[in-house]
Amino acid sequence: MLLAVFTFAACSSKKEDTKEQTQNVRVGEVTHSLFYAPLYVGIEKRFFKDEGLHVDLQTTAGGDKTMTALLSGGIDIALVGSETSIYVHQQGAKDPVINFAQLTQTDGTFLVSRKKLDSFNWNDVKGVTFLGQRKGGMPQMVGEYVLKKNGIDPHKDTNLIQNIEFANIANAFASGTGEFVQLFEPTASIFEKEGKGYIVASFGNESGTVPYTTFMAKESFLKKDKAAAEKFTRALYKAQQWVDTHSPEEIADAVSPLFKDTSKDITVKVIERYKKQHSYATNPLLDAEEWKQLQTIMKDAGELQKEVPHEALVNTKIAESVIKK
């Protein structure tokens, strides 16, 4: 009897110790999309939990709202376009926002046409209403970069709408606004399945490699809780490697609990599309070349006041240490 009590107490103590060792990390994602599949794999495959972290995931729709949540202390880590860290820097922040782990390396949006087209040419966008993304945000800047690359000035050659809140863009298009729209997945594929629109081009294929979405935190957080950032990045790297070596079907099964309203066929199609265009970074390192391409896109959009050195807003030490081990 005494042995049983002792055993029970020891087990209880062990459970309590494990619970105490689990650290809560509040992560704000700019949108909930299969574009971020490696993050969800990390959660569902318990890679973060294995590192002693509980990811409290919140969807903070839009880059401006996500950054506000980070700066105000509402979240610890933001998953958002890396351009936002430059905007904060340009405003002279005393506690700069530092990119420490990359998640995606291409644009994740697609050009969706209201009408089904037998063939698509970028000139089809000329002279019509184009429902774009928020001005200054990564989707809009890359969208403009790609259009200009194809000989189209979105501000002169199209009726460009970019004043609709990020969370309402899809609904605006579904309600009849615009002939073309720039959408993330799985919304783009769902619209296609429902006959509300048709994917005609990928901005990711056209844009090239760019640090599109990264995990970032205030410099003070990385100094105060470096261990948590390292654990987070280690778990993320495991998830990235898992995604890289598994099929779209296997990835779809892994993330399905977080996409209960999305059918299996859509989930597989979306992940297959993102894998094919190499959207998912296979490691968390944000290198100098990608940072340079980001600023080229920002400069082209008229959003870059002055070039910011890679080392000023990117911490590569955490990712490098994780990859080496």
Foldseek 3Di string as FASTA:
>chain_A
DVVVVVVVVVVVVVVVVLVVQAAEFEEEEQADACLQLLVLLLQLVVLLVVLRYDYNYHYQHHPVRQVVCQVVVVGFKYWFFPVVQQVCVVVPDPFGKFFEFFWWWFDQKFKWFQDDDPADDLLVQFPWEEEEEAQPGLRRLLVQVLSVVSVHRCVPGYNYDYPDGRVCSLVCLLVPGIRMYIDGPPSRVVCVVVSRIHGHGDSRLRRGTASGITMIHTNVSCVVCVSSVLSSQLSSLVSLQVLLPDALLVSLVSNCVVVVVDDSVSSSVSSVVCVVSRTTDNFTADDQVNLVSSVVSCVVSVNRPDDDHPVVRYDRVSRVVSVVD
